[in-house]
Amino acid sequence: MGEGGRERERKKKKERERERERERRAKRATVLFGYEALDSSELTIFEGQELTVVTEDDSGWWKCMADNGNEGLIPGNYVKLQ
């Protein structure tokens, strides 16, 4: 493997390590009440579903990610942090 290939592999490994660290520190939440998205910026959620909290906003709307990778805003008071 040439020098360029080794450098690409090092960068990939570093990115995988950063992603694992983000996942380790991610906040998880359980949905208390279902919510149907009203537009494309929101996320439809179901009671009992578990989500990853991406950002919490003082407005009360949180950006969350479902386990299937879909992201969107949800009412923060519809979930309980784990």
PDB file of N, CA and C in Angstrom:
ATOM      1  N   MET A   1       0.857  -1.174   0.000  1.00  0.00           N
ATOM      2  CA  MET A   1       0.000   0.000   0.000  1.00  0.00           C
ATOM      3  C   MET A   1       0.899   1.232   0.000  1.00  0.00           C
ATOM      4  N   GLY A   2       0.593   2.180  -0.856  1.00  0.00           N
ATOM      5  CA  GLY A   2       1.383   3.403  -0.947  1.00  0.00           C
ATOM      6  C   GLY A   2       1.100   4.350   0.200  1.00  0.00           C
ATOM      7  N   GLU A   3       1.900   5.421   0.247  1.00  0.00           N
ATOM      8  CA  GLU A   3       1.744   6.417   1.308  1.00  0.00           C
ATOM      9  C   GLU A   3       0.349   7.040   1.302  1.00  0.00           C
ATOM     10  N   GLY A   4      -0.197   7.332   0.119  1.00  0.00           N
ATOM     11  CA  GLY A   4      -1.536   7.905   0.022  1.00  0.00           C
ATOM     12  C   GLY A   4      -2.597   6.973   0.576  1.00  0.00           C
ATOM     13  N   GLY A   5      -2.454   5.670   0.315  1.00  0.00           N
ATOM     14  CA  GLY A   5      -3.409   4.679   0.821  1.00  0.00           C
ATOM     15  C   GLY A   5      -3.363   4.573   2.332  1.00  0.00           C
ATOM     16  N   ARG A   6      -2.147   4.610   2.882  1.00  0.00           N
ATOM     17  CA  ARG A   6      -2.010   4.547   4.349  1.00  0.00           C
ATOM     18  C   ARG A   6      -2.630   5.785   4.997  1.00  0.00           C
ATOM     19  N   GLU A   7      -2.427   6.945   4.374  1.00  0.00           N
ATOM     20  CA  GLU A   7      -2.998   8.179   4.917  1.00  0.00           C
ATOM     21  C   GLU A   7      -4.519   8.120   4.897  1.00  0.00           C
ATOM     22  N   ARG A   8      -5.103   7.618   3.816  1.00  0.00           N
ATOM     23  CA  ARG A   8      -6.564   7.485   3.740  1.00  0.00           C
ATOM     24  C   ARG A   8      -7.074   6.542   4.829  1.00  0.00           C
ATOM     25  N   GLU A   9      -6.379   5.447   5.049  1.00  0.00           N
ATOM     26  CA  GLU A   9      -6.773   4.492   6.085  1.00  0.00           C
ATOM     27  C   GLU A   9      -6.697   5.126   7.471  1.00  0.00           C
ATOM     28  N   ARG A  10      -5.659   5.915   7.732  1.00  0.00           N
ATOM     29  CA  ARG A  10      -5.535   6.595   9.031  1.00  0.00           C
ATOM     30  C   ARG A  10      -6.697   7.561   9.233  1.00  0.00           C
ATOM     31  N   LYS A  11      -7.069   8.297   8.175  1.00  0.00           N
ATOM     32  CA  LYS A  11      -8.180   9.240   8.272  1.00  0.00           C
ATOM     33  C   LYS A  11      -9.496   8.511   8.525  1.00  0.00           C
ATOM     34  N   LYS A  12      -9.708   7.390   7.834  1.00  0.00           N
ATOM     35  CA  LYS A  12     -10.927   6.604   8.040  1.00  0.00           C
ATOM     36  C   LYS A  12     -10.993   6.088   9.477  1.00  0.00           C
ATOM     37  N   LYS A  13      -9.867   5.591   9.979  1.00  0.00           N
ATOM     38  CA  LYS A  13      -9.824   5.063  11.341  1.00  0.00           C
ATOM     39  C   LYS A  13     -10.122   6.171  12.349  1.00  0.00           C
ATOM     40  N   LYS A  14      -9.546   7.353  12.144  1.00  0.00           N
ATOM     41  CA  LYS A  14      -9.775   8.479  13.049  1.00  0.00           C
ATOM     42  C   LYS A  14     -11.251   8.888  13.029  1.00  0.00           C
ATOM     43  N   GLU A  15     -11.875   8.910  11.852  1.00  0.00           N
ATOM     44  CA  GLU A  15     -13.294   9.259  11.747  1.00  0.00           C
ATOM     45  C   GLU A  15     -14.162   8.220  12.458  1.00  0.00           C
ATOM     46  N   ARG A  16     -13.847   6.931  12.303  1.00  0.00           N
ATOM     47  CA  ARG A  16     -14.593   5.878  13.017  1.00  0.00           C
ATOM     48  C   ARG A  16     -14.467   6.051  14.525  1.00  0.00           C
ATOM     49  N   GLU A  17     -13.283   6.405  15.004  1.00  0.00           N
ATOM     50  CA  GLU A  17     -13.077   6.627  16.436  1.00  0.00           C
ATOM     51  C   GLU A  17     -13.894   7.819  16.924  1.00  0.00           C
ATOM     52  N   ARG A  18     -13.939   8.911  16.149  1.00  0.00           N
ATOM     53  CA  ARG A  18     -14.736  10.081  16.524  1.00  0.00           C
ATOM     54  C   ARG A  18     -16.221   9.724  16.568  1.00  0.00           C
ATOM     55  N   GLU A  19     -16.686   8.942  15.599  1.00  0.00           N
ATOM     56  CA  GLU A  19     -18.096   8.540  15.563  1.00  0.00           C
ATOM     57  C   GLU A  19     -18.438   7.678  16.774  1.00  0.00           C
ATOM     58  N   ARG A  20     -17.577   6.759  17.154  1.00  0.00           N
ATOM     59  CA  ARG A  20     -17.813   5.927  18.341  1.00  0.00           C
ATOM     60  C   ARG A  20     -17.867   6.797  19.603  1.00  0.00           C
ATOM     61  N   GLU A  21     -17.010   7.805  19.679  1.00  0.00           N
ATOM     62  CA  GLU A  21     -17.010   8.695  20.840  1.00  0.00           C
ATOM     63  C   GLU A  21     -18.295   9.503  20.894  1.00  0.00           C
ATOM     64  N   ARG A  22     -18.775   9.993  19.751  1.00  0.00           N
ATOM     65  CA  ARG A  22     -20.045  10.729  19.713  1.00  0.00           C
ATOM     66  C   ARG A  22     -21.187   9.832  20.170  1.00  0.00           C
ATOM     67  N   GLU A  23     -21.198   8.588  19.709  1.00  0.00           N
ATOM     68  CA  GLU A  23     -22.243   7.643  20.105  1.00  0.00           C
ATOM     69  C   GLU A  23     -22.182   7.356  21.599  1.00  0.00           C
ATOM     70  N   ARG A  24     -20.979   7.231  22.125  1.00  0.00           N
ATOM     71  CA  ARG A  24     -20.812   6.938  23.554  1.00  0.00           C
ATOM     72  C   ARG A  24     -21.368   8.070  24.411  1.00  0.00           C
ATOM     73  N   ARG A  25     -21.182   9.320  23.959  1.00  0.00           N
ATOM     74  CA  ARG A  25     -21.623  10.471  24.733  1.00  0.00           C
ATOM     75  C   ARG A  25     -23.051  10.894  24.416  1.00  0.00           C
ATOM     76  N   ALA A  26     -23.672  10.294  23.433  1.00  0.00           N
ATOM     77  CA  ALA A  26     -25.015  10.706  23.003  1.00  0.00           C
ATOM     78  C   ALA A  26     -26.037  10.468  24.107  1.00  0.00           C
ATOM     79  N   LYS A  27     -26.967  11.403  24.203  1.00  0.00           N
ATOM     80  CA  LYS A  27     -28.074  11.243  25.147  1.00  0.00           C
ATOM     81  C   LYS A  27     -29.160  10.426  24.467  1.00  0.00           C
ATOM     82  N   ARG A  28     -29.750   9.538  25.223  1.00  0.00           N
ATOM     83  CA  ARG A  28     -30.857   8.727  24.726  1.00  0.00           C
ATOM     84  C   ARG A  28     -32.124   9.152  25.454  1.00  0.00           C
ATOM     85  N   ALA A  29     -33.242   9.016  24.768  1.00  0.00           N
ATOM     86  CA  ALA A  29     -34.529   9.399  25.343  1.00  0.00           C
ATOM     87  C   ALA A  29     -35.578   8.378  24.941  1.00  0.00           C
ATOM     88  N   THR A  30     -36.573   8.226  25.793  1.00  0.00           N
ATOM     89  CA  THR A  30     -37.711   7.361  25.516  1.00  0.00           C
ATOM     90  C   THR A  30     -38.935   8.238  25.277  1.00  0.00           C
ATOM     91  N   VAL A  31     -39.675   7.931  24.227  1.00  0.00           N
ATOM     92  CA  VAL A  31     -40.855   8.713  23.865  1.00  0.00           C
ATOM     93  C   VAL A  31     -42.000   8.383  24.816  1.00  0.00           C
ATOM     94  N   LEU A  32     -42.562   9.419  25.435  1.00  0.00           N
ATOM     95  CA  LEU A  32     -43.692   9.260  26.351  1.00  0.00           C
ATOM     96  C   LEU A  32     -45.034   9.360  25.625  1.00  0.00           C
ATOM     97  N   PHE A  33     -45.094  10.215  24.597  1.00  0.00           N
ATOM     98  CA  PHE A  33     -46.323  10.448  23.832  1.00  0.00           C
ATOM     99  C   PHE A  33     -45.979  10.480  22.352  1.00  0.00           C
ATOM    100  N   GLY A  34     -46.795   9.841  21.541  1.00  0.00           N
ATOM    101  CA  GLY A  34     -46.574   9.870  20.108  1.00  0.00           C
ATOM    102  C   GLY A  34     -46.794  11.268  19.535  1.00  0.00           C
ATOM    103  N   TYR A  35     -46.163  11.534  18.403  1.00  0.00           N
ATOM    104  CA  TYR A  35     -46.298  12.830  17.725  1.00  0.00           C
ATOM    105  C   TYR A  35     -46.152  12.604  16.230  1.00  0.00           C
ATOM    106  N   GLU A  36     -47.072  13.165  15.462  1.00  0.00           N
ATOM    107  CA  GLU A  36     -47.006  13.047  14.005  1.00  0.00           C
ATOM    108  C   GLU A  36     -46.414  14.324  13.430  1.00  0.00           C
ATOM    109  N   ALA A  37     -45.346  14.175  12.656  1.00  0.00           N
ATOM    110  CA  ALA A  37     -44.670  15.327  12.055  1.00  0.00           C
ATOM    111  C   ALA A  37     -45.637  16.123  11.190  1.00  0.00           C
ATOM    112  N   LEU A  38     -45.556  17.453  11.306  1.00  0.00           N
ATOM    113  CA  LEU A  38     -46.416  18.340  10.529  1.00  0.00           C
ATOM    114  C   LEU A  38     -45.720  18.873   9.283  1.00  0.00           C
ATOM    115  N   ASP A  39     -44.386  18.773   9.244  1.00  0.00           N
ATOM    116  CA  ASP A  39     -43.641  19.154   8.039  1.00  0.00           C
ATOM    117  C   ASP A  39     -42.331  18.375   7.992  1.00  0.00           C
ATOM    118  N   SER A  40     -41.560  18.598   6.955  1.00  0.00           N
ATOM    119  CA  SER A  40     -40.359  17.785   6.717  1.00  0.00           C
ATOM    120  C   SER A  40     -39.238  18.042   7.722  1.00  0.00           C
ATOM    121  N   SER A  41     -39.333  19.112   8.528  1.00  0.00           N
ATOM    122  CA  SER A  41     -38.288  19.376   9.525  1.00  0.00           C
ATOM    123  C   SER A  41     -38.543  18.614  10.828  1.00  0.00           C
ATOM    124  N   GLU A  42     -39.727  18.031  10.955  1.00  0.00           N
ATOM    125  CA  GLU A  42     -40.101  17.323  12.177  1.00  0.00           C
ATOM    126  C   GLU A  42     -39.977  15.810  12.008  1.00  0.00           C
ATOM    127  N   LEU A  43     -40.036  15.103  13.122  1.00  0.00           N
ATOM    128  CA  LEU A  43     -39.898  13.648  13.153  1.00  0.00           C
ATOM    129  C   LEU A  43     -41.144  13.041  13.784  1.00  0.00           C
ATOM    130  N   THR A  44     -41.757  12.092  13.093  1.00  0.00           N
ATOM    131  CA  THR A  44     -42.880  11.350  13.678  1.00  0.00           C
ATOM    132  C   THR A  44     -42.308  10.356  14.681  1.00  0.00           C
ATOM    133  N   ILE A  45     -42.889  10.342  15.884  1.00  0.00           N
ATOM    134  CA  ILE A  45     -42.410   9.461  16.952  1.00  0.00           C
ATOM    135  C   ILE A  45     -43.580   8.683  17.547  1.00  0.00           C
ATOM    136  N   PHE A  46     -43.246   7.562  18.178  1.00  0.00           N
ATOM    137  CA  PHE A  46     -44.252   6.660  18.740  1.00  0.00           C
ATOM    138  C   PHE A  46     -43.948   6.373  20.204  1.00  0.00           C
ATOM    139  N   GLU A  47     -44.987   6.272  21.007  1.00  0.00           N
ATOM    140  CA  GLU A  47     -44.822   5.973  22.431  1.00  0.00           C
ATOM    141  C   GLU A  47     -43.955   4.735  22.614  1.00  0.00           C
ATOM    142  N   GLY A  48     -42.980   4.836  23.516  1.00  0.00           N
ATOM    143  CA  GLY A  48     -42.086   3.724  23.824  1.00  0.00           C
ATOM    144  C   GLY A  48     -40.837   3.671  22.957  1.00  0.00           C
ATOM    145  N   GLN A  49     -40.816   4.429  21.874  1.00  0.00           N
ATOM    146  CA  GLN A  49     -39.664   4.448  20.965  1.00  0.00           C
ATOM    147  C   GLN A  49     -38.463   5.082  21.674  1.00  0.00           C
ATOM    148  N   GLU A  50     -37.265   4.629  21.328  1.00  0.00           N
ATOM    149  CA  GLU A  50     -36.050   5.219  21.874  1.00  0.00           C
ATOM    150  C   GLU A  50     -35.374   6.039  20.789  1.00  0.00           C
ATOM    151  N   LEU A  51     -34.887   7.210  21.176  1.00  0.00           N
ATOM    152  CA  LEU A  51     -34.269   8.141  20.250  1.00  0.00           C
ATOM    153  C   LEU A  51     -32.912   8.582  20.771  1.00  0.00           C
ATOM    154  N   THR A  52     -32.082   9.082  19.864  1.00  0.00           N
ATOM    155  CA  THR A  52     -30.850   9.752  20.236  1.00  0.00           C
ATOM    156  C   THR A  52     -31.109  11.248  20.148  1.00  0.00           C
ATOM    157  N   VAL A  53     -30.807  11.969  21.212  1.00  0.00           N
ATOM    158  CA  VAL A  53     -30.987  13.419  21.232  1.00  0.00           C
ATOM    159  C   VAL A  53     -29.761  14.051  20.583  1.00  0.00           C
ATOM    160  N   VAL A  54     -29.984  14.772  19.497  1.00  0.00           N
ATOM    161  CA  VAL A  54     -28.893  15.441  18.786  1.00  0.00           C
ATOM    162  C   VAL A  54     -28.644  16.809  19.417  1.00  0.00           C
ATOM    163  N   THR A  55     -29.702  17.608  19.571  1.00  0.00           N
ATOM    164  CA  THR A  55     -29.587  18.912  20.232  1.00  0.00           C
ATOM    165  C   THR A  55     -30.862  19.197  21.012  1.00  0.00           C
ATOM    166  N   GLU A  56     -30.699  19.869  22.139  1.00  0.00           N
ATOM    167  CA  GLU A  56     -31.824  20.342  22.942  1.00  0.00           C
ATOM    168  C   GLU A  56     -31.876  21.856  22.791  1.00  0.00           C
ATOM    169  N   ASP A  57     -33.057  22.396  22.543  1.00  0.00           N
ATOM    170  CA  ASP A  57     -33.188  23.834  22.354  1.00  0.00           C
ATOM    171  C   ASP A  57     -34.098  24.409  23.430  1.00  0.00           C
ATOM    172  N   ASP A  58     -33.786  25.609  23.874  1.00  0.00           N
ATOM    173  CA  ASP A  58     -34.601  26.271  24.907  1.00  0.00           C
ATOM    174  C   ASP A  58     -36.025  26.550  24.444  1.00  0.00           C
ATOM    175  N   SER A  59     -36.248  26.527  23.135  1.00  0.00           N
ATOM    176  CA  SER A  59     -37.600  26.741  22.601  1.00  0.00           C
ATOM    177  C   SER A  59     -38.531  25.581  22.947  1.00  0.00           C
ATOM    178  N   GLY A  60     -37.932  24.443  23.352  1.00  0.00           N
ATOM    179  CA  GLY A  60     -38.722  23.255  23.665  1.00  0.00           C
ATOM    180  C   GLY A  60     -38.720  22.225  22.558  1.00  0.00           C
ATOM    181  N   TRP A  61     -38.154  22.568  21.412  1.00  0.00           N
ATOM    182  CA  TRP A  61     -38.060  21.632  20.286  1.00  0.00           C
ATOM    183  C   TRP A  61     -36.655  21.060  20.249  1.00  0.00           C
ATOM    184  N   TRP A  62     -36.580  19.741  20.244  1.00  0.00           N
ATOM    185  CA  TRP A  62     -35.293  19.061  20.229  1.00  0.00           C
ATOM    186  C   TRP A  62     -35.105  18.363  18.893  1.00  0.00           C
ATOM    187  N   LYS A  63     -33.875  18.362  18.411  1.00  0.00           N
ATOM    188  CA  LYS A  63     -33.554  17.585  17.214  1.00  0.00           C
ATOM    189  C   LYS A  63     -33.137  16.202  17.693  1.00  0.00           C
ATOM    190  N   CYS A  64     -33.821  15.187  17.181  1.00  0.00           N
ATOM    191  CA  CYS A  64     -33.547  13.810  17.585  1.00  0.00           C
ATOM    192  C   CYS A  64     -33.359  12.927  16.369  1.00  0.00           C
ATOM    193  N   MET A  65     -32.753  11.776  16.605  1.00  0.00           N
ATOM    194  CA  MET A  65     -32.547  10.800  15.543  1.00  0.00           C
ATOM    195  C   MET A  65     -33.128   9.459  15.981  1.00  0.00           C
ATOM    196  N   ALA A  66     -33.952   8.893  15.111  1.00  0.00           N
ATOM    197  CA  ALA A  66     -34.506   7.563  15.357  1.00  0.00           C
ATOM    198  C   ALA A  66     -33.432   6.524  15.020  1.00  0.00           C
ATOM    199  N   ASP A  67     -33.618   5.316  15.488  1.00  0.00           N
ATOM    200  CA  ASP A  67     -32.644   4.255  15.235  1.00  0.00           C
ATOM    201  C   ASP A  67     -32.496   3.930  13.754  1.00  0.00           C
ATOM    202  N   ASN A  68     -33.499   4.299  12.937  1.00  0.00           N
ATOM    203  CA  ASN A  68     -33.390   4.045  11.494  1.00  0.00           C
ATOM    204  C   ASN A  68     -32.627   5.153  10.775  1.00  0.00           C
ATOM    205  N   GLY A  69     -32.142   6.155  11.532  1.00  0.00           N
ATOM    206  CA  GLY A  69     -31.344   7.230  10.955  1.00  0.00           C
ATOM    207  C   GLY A  69     -32.121   8.485  10.600  1.00  0.00           C
ATOM    208  N   ASN A  70     -33.452   8.430  10.658  1.00  0.00           N
ATOM    209  CA  ASN A  70     -34.254   9.626  10.372  1.00  0.00           C
ATOM    210  C   ASN A  70     -34.061  10.647  11.489  1.00  0.00           C
ATOM    211  N   GLU A  71     -33.927  11.918  11.106  1.00  0.00           N
ATOM    212  CA  GLU A  71     -33.752  12.999  12.065  1.00  0.00           C
ATOM    213  C   GLU A  71     -34.828  14.048  11.885  1.00  0.00           C
ATOM    214  N   GLY A  72     -35.144  14.742  12.960  1.00  0.00           N
ATOM    215  CA  GLY A  72     -36.082  15.845  12.881  1.00  0.00           C
ATOM    216  C   GLY A  72     -36.368  16.409  14.255  1.00  0.00           C
ATOM    217  N   LEU A  73     -37.157  17.464  14.254  1.00  0.00           N
ATOM    218  CA  LEU A  73     -37.529  18.131  15.492  1.00  0.00           C
ATOM    219  C   LEU A  73     -38.730  17.450  16.131  1.00  0.00           C
ATOM    220  N   ILE A  74     -38.704  17.405  17.455  1.00  0.00           N
ATOM    221  CA  ILE A  74     -39.821  16.858  18.235  1.00  0.00           C
ATOM    222  C   ILE A  74     -40.050  17.766  19.439  1.00  0.00           C
ATOM    223  N   PRO A  75     -41.252  17.732  20.020  1.00  0.00           N
ATOM    224  CA  PRO A  75     -41.457  18.473  21.273  1.00  0.00           C
ATOM    225  C   PRO A  75     -40.650  17.796  22.385  1.00  0.00           C
ATOM    226  N   GLY A  76     -39.751  18.542  23.009  1.00  0.00           N
ATOM    227  CA  GLY A  76     -38.880  17.980  24.037  1.00  0.00           C
ATOM    228  C   GLY A  76     -39.620  17.418  25.227  1.00  0.00           C
ATOM    229  N   ASN A  77     -40.812  17.955  25.504  1.00  0.00           N
ATOM    230  CA  ASN A  77     -41.560  17.453  26.662  1.00  0.00           C
ATOM    231  C   ASN A  77     -42.322  16.169  26.350  1.00  0.00           C
ATOM    232  N   TYR A  78     -42.162  15.636  25.140  1.00  0.00           N
ATOM    233  CA  TYR A  78     -42.778  14.362  24.780  1.00  0.00           C
ATOM    234  C   TYR A  78     -41.843  13.185  25.050  1.00  0.00           C
ATOM    235  N   VAL A  79     -40.638  13.457  25.522  1.00  0.00           N
ATOM    236  CA  VAL A  79     -39.662  12.401  25.790  1.00  0.00           C
ATOM    237  C   VAL A  79     -39.078  12.543  27.184  1.00  0.00           C
ATOM    238  N   LYS A  80     -38.518  11.435  27.680  1.00  0.00           N
ATOM    239  CA  LYS A  80     -37.820  11.424  28.965  1.00  0.00           C
ATOM    240  C   LYS A  80     -36.404  10.960  28.709  1.00  0.00           C
ATOM    241  N   LEU A  81     -35.431  11.760  29.170  1.00  0.00           N
ATOM    242  CA  LEU A  81     -34.041  11.350  29.021  1.00  0.00           C
ATOM    243  C   LEU A  81     -33.765  10.111  29.851  1.00  0.00           C
ATOM    244  N   GLN A  82     -32.937   9.235  29.316  1.00  0.00           N
ATOM    245  CA  GLN A  82     -32.611   7.996  30.024  1.00  0.00           C
ATOM    246  C   GLN A  82     -31.450   8.220  30.962  1.00  0.00           C
TER     247      GLN A  82
END
